């Protein structure tokens, strides 16, 4: 019997499981939305919500600049950042290739964003079965994350508007040039 042994095993030993959740949590904090299996998403929710709660318990100390803190505040912040560092790698890589301090992101950005929220910082959206092995997939994201594709849709709309604005000018210029070419041919 597995009394008092909560959490999924995933057929992995402890160190492998910890490393897997460390990487999944880092990706979730960095990108704020990841696609994974249902079971991993449900376990990852436990890990990330605990991290945010630890940072949030500091209160304003978590997101106050280091220079403005007294010695007690610095010590508290250092202790929590070291605690978070045990569950998150220190650095993550953004989509554009720049490095980002993940522990600071949890302490400064996420703790401040969720300061008034009493819990439930993540949302799991079931996507459907994965091609290949049929594993049920889920999208896990922070509850205040931008809707899927909103930035991408804005970029597409802006590009379409820019292309539409450019096309009439070039078409009018092309028509004028072609009219000039036709009149030159008639003159010959």
Protein backbone atom coordinates (compact mmCIF):
# COMPACT_ATOMS: atom_id res chain seq x y z
CA UNK A 1 0.00 0.00 0.00
CA UNK A 2 1.21 3.53 -0.83
CA UNK A 3 -0.15 5.40 2.15
CA UNK A 4 1.24 8.92 2.58
CA UNK A 5 3.16 8.70 -0.70
CA UNK A 6 1.48 11.35 -2.81
CA UNK A 7 2.67 12.41 -6.24
CA UNK A 8 3.08 10.51 -9.46
CA UNK A 9 6.16 8.39 -10.06
CA UNK A 10 6.22 8.52 -13.90
CA UNK A 11 8.32 5.36 -13.96
CA UNK A 12 11.40 7.40 -13.06
CA UNK A 13 13.70 7.46 -10.08
CA UNK A 14 13.73 10.45 -7.73
CA UNK A 15 16.62 12.35 -9.30
CA UNK A 16 15.23 11.93 -12.82
CA UNK A 17 11.79 13.05 -11.68
CA UNK A 18 13.19 16.11 -9.87
CA UNK A 19 15.24 17.07 -12.92
CA UNK A 20 12.20 16.68 -15.17
CA UNK A 21 10.05 18.94 -12.99
CA UNK A 22 12.89 21.42 -12.57
CA UNK A 23 13.09 21.79 -16.35
CA UNK A 24 9.31 21.87 -16.84
CA UNK A 25 8.94 24.53 -14.13
CA UNK A 26 11.74 26.58 -15.69
CA UNK A 27 10.05 26.46 -19.08
CA UNK A 28 6.68 27.39 -17.59
CA UNK A 29 8.14 30.35 -15.70
CA UNK A 30 10.14 31.47 -18.73
CA UNK A 31 7.48 31.11 -21.45
CA UNK A 32 4.38 31.27 -19.20
CA UNK A 33 2.69 28.55 -21.29
CA UNK A 34 3.86 25.04 -22.22
CA UNK A 35 2.38 21.93 -23.81
CA UNK A 36 2.87 18.64 -21.96
CA UNK A 37 0.98 15.50 -20.99
CA UNK A 38 -2.01 15.69 -18.61
CA UNK A 39 -0.28 13.87 -15.77
CA UNK A 40 2.87 16.00 -15.98
CA UNK A 41 0.79 19.18 -16.14
CA UNK A 42 -1.12 18.20 -13.00
CA UNK A 43 2.09 17.52 -11.08
CA UNK A 44 3.79 20.60 -12.50
CA UNK A 45 0.91 22.71 -11.18
CA UNK A 46 1.80 21.59 -7.63
CA UNK A 47 5.46 22.52 -8.08
CA UNK A 48 4.99 25.95 -9.67
CA UNK A 49 2.21 27.08 -7.37
CA UNK A 50 4.38 26.31 -4.36
CA UNK A 51 7.24 28.33 -5.86
CA UNK A 52 5.06 31.37 -6.44
CA UNK A 53 3.53 31.09 -2.97
CA UNK A 54 7.01 31.02 -1.38
CA UNK A 55 7.95 34.20 -3.20
CA UNK A 56 4.59 35.81 -2.47
CA UNK A 57 4.89 35.25 1.29
CA UNK A 58 7.74 37.76 1.39
CA UNK A 59 5.31 40.51 0.46
CA UNK A 60 6.81 43.74 -0.87
CA UNK A 61 10.32 42.54 0.01
CA UNK A 62 10.16 40.19 -2.99
CA UNK A 63 9.88 42.99 -5.55
CA UNK A 64 11.61 45.88 -3.77
CA UNK A 65 15.00 46.77 -5.29
CA UNK A 66 17.94 45.33 -3.34
CA UNK A 67 19.40 48.79 -2.55
CA UNK A 68 16.23 49.90 -0.74
CA UNK A 69 16.08 46.89 1.62
CA UNK A 70 17.46 46.77 5.14
CA UNK A 71 19.65 43.90 6.32
CA UNK A 72 16.70 41.81 7.53
CA UNK A 73 14.88 42.24 4.23
CA UNK A 74 18.00 41.28 2.28
CA UNK A 75 18.47 38.19 4.41
CA UNK A 76 14.86 37.11 3.91
CA UNK A 77 15.05 37.69 0.19
CA UNK A 78 18.33 35.79 -0.09
CA UNK A 79 16.90 32.84 1.85
CA UNK A 80 13.82 32.63 -0.39
CA UNK A 81 15.84 33.04 -3.59
CA UNK A 82 18.14 30.20 -2.51
CA UNK A 83 15.09 28.08 -1.69
CA UNK A 84 13.61 28.79 -5.14
CA UNK A 85 16.99 28.08 -6.70
CA UNK A 86 16.68 24.52 -5.44
CA UNK A 87 13.61 24.02 -7.63
CA UNK A 88 14.45 26.24 -10.61
CA UNK A 89 17.59 26.62 -12.66
CA UNK A 90 18.93 30.14 -12.23
CA UNK A 91 18.96 31.09 -15.92
CA UNK A 92 16.54 30.52 -18.77
CA UNK A 93 16.81 31.42 -22.44
CA UNK A 94 14.13 33.57 -24.07
CA UNK A 95 12.85 32.96 -27.61
CA UNK A 96 15.18 35.63 -28.97
CA UNK A 97 18.22 33.98 -27.34
CA UNK A 98 18.73 36.35 -24.41
CA UNK A 99 19.33 34.95 -20.93
CA UNK A 100 16.78 35.58 -18.18
CA UNK A 101 17.11 35.14 -14.42
CA UNK A 102 14.19 32.83 -13.59
CA UNK A 103 14.43 33.13 -9.81
CA UNK A 104 14.22 36.92 -10.10
CA UNK A 105 11.27 36.59 -12.47
CA UNK A 106 9.38 34.53 -9.87
CA UNK A 107 10.36 36.91 -7.05
CA UNK A 108 9.76 40.20 -8.85
CA UNK A 109 7.23 39.69 -11.65
CA UNK A 110 5.11 36.71 -10.65
CA UNK A 111 4.94 37.50 -6.92
CA UNK A 112 3.79 41.01 -7.75
CA UNK A 113 1.30 39.88 -10.43
CA UNK A 114 -0.33 37.35 -8.12
CA UNK A 115 -0.06 39.39 -4.89
CA UNK A 116 -3.84 39.65 -4.48
CA UNK A 117 -4.65 36.16 -5.71
CA UNK A 118 -5.04 33.55 -2.91
CA UNK A 119 -3.85 30.62 -5.04
CA UNK A 120 -4.65 28.88 -8.30
CA UNK A 121 -2.03 30.64 -10.40
CA UNK A 122 -2.09 28.11 -13.26
CA UNK A 123 -4.72 26.81 -15.65
CA UNK A 124 -4.69 23.45 -17.42
CA UNK A 125 -6.44 23.22 -20.79
CA UNK A 126 -6.85 19.76 -22.29
CA UNK A 127 -5.77 19.72 -25.94
CA UNK A 128 -6.43 16.13 -26.99
CA UNK A 129 -4.41 13.04 -27.84
CA UNK A 130 -0.86 13.30 -29.10
CA UNK A 131 -0.11 11.93 -32.55
CA UNK A 132 1.99 8.82 -32.39
CA UNK A 133 1.27 7.36 -28.98
CA UNK A 134 -2.13 8.89 -28.20
CA UNK A 135 -1.08 10.36 -24.85
CA UNK A 136 -3.55 12.98 -23.64
CA UNK A 137 -1.93 16.42 -23.95
CA UNK A 138 -2.59 19.61 -22.01
CA UNK A 139 -1.59 23.23 -22.17
CA UNK A 140 -0.55 24.61 -18.78
CA UNK A 141 -0.34 28.38 -18.42
CA UNK A 142 -0.56 31.15 -15.86
CA UNK A 143 -4.12 32.39 -15.43
CA UNK A 144 -3.29 35.96 -16.42
CA UNK A 145 -1.31 34.97 -19.53
CA UNK A 146 -2.31 36.59 -22.81
CA UNK A 147 -4.76 34.54 -24.91
CA UNK A 148 -3.21 32.06 -27.30
CA UNK A 149 -2.24 33.80 -30.52
CA UNK A 150 -3.21 37.32 -29.46
CA UNK A 151 0.25 38.79 -30.13
CA UNK A 152 0.64 36.65 -33.22
CA UNK A 153 -2.74 37.78 -34.53
CA UNK A 154 -1.83 41.43 -33.93
CA UNK A 155 1.40 40.93 -35.89
CA UNK A 156 -0.48 39.26 -38.74
CA UNK A 157 -3.09 42.02 -38.84
CA UNK A 158 -0.42 44.74 -38.78
CA UNK A 159 1.52 43.00 -41.57
CA UNK A 160 -1.65 42.65 -43.64
CA UNK A 161 -2.53 46.31 -43.11
CA UNK A 162 0.99 47.38 -44.03
CA UNK A 163 0.88 45.21 -47.14
CA UNK A 164 -2.54 46.59 -48.06
CA UNK A 165 -1.29 50.15 -47.57
CA UNK A 166 1.78 49.46 -49.72
CA UNK A 167 -0.06 47.67 -52.51
CA UNK A 168 -2.29 50.54 -53.75
CA UNK A 169 0.70 52.86 -53.91
CA UNK A 170 2.77 50.36 -55.86
CA UNK A 171 -0.19 49.39 -58.06
CA UNK A 172 -0.88 53.03 -58.85
CA UNK A 173 2.79 53.59 -59.57
CA UNK A 174 2.91 50.44 -61.73
CA UNK A 175 -0.23 51.51 -63.61
CA UNK A 176 1.23 54.95 -64.25
CA UNK A 177 4.49 53.40 -65.42
CA UNK A 178 2.67 50.95 -67.68
CA UNK A 179 0.54 53.82 -69.11
CA UNK A 180 3.76 55.71 -69.87
CA UNK A 181 5.22 52.61 -71.55
CA UNK A 182 2.08 52.16 -73.68
CA UNK A 183 2.06 55.82 -74.75
CA UNK A 184 5.74 55.55 -75.73
CA UNK A 185 4.97 52.45 -77.82
CA UNK A 186 2.12 54.27 -79.58
CA UNK A 187 4.41 57.20 -80.34
CA UNK A 188 6.89 54.87 -82.07
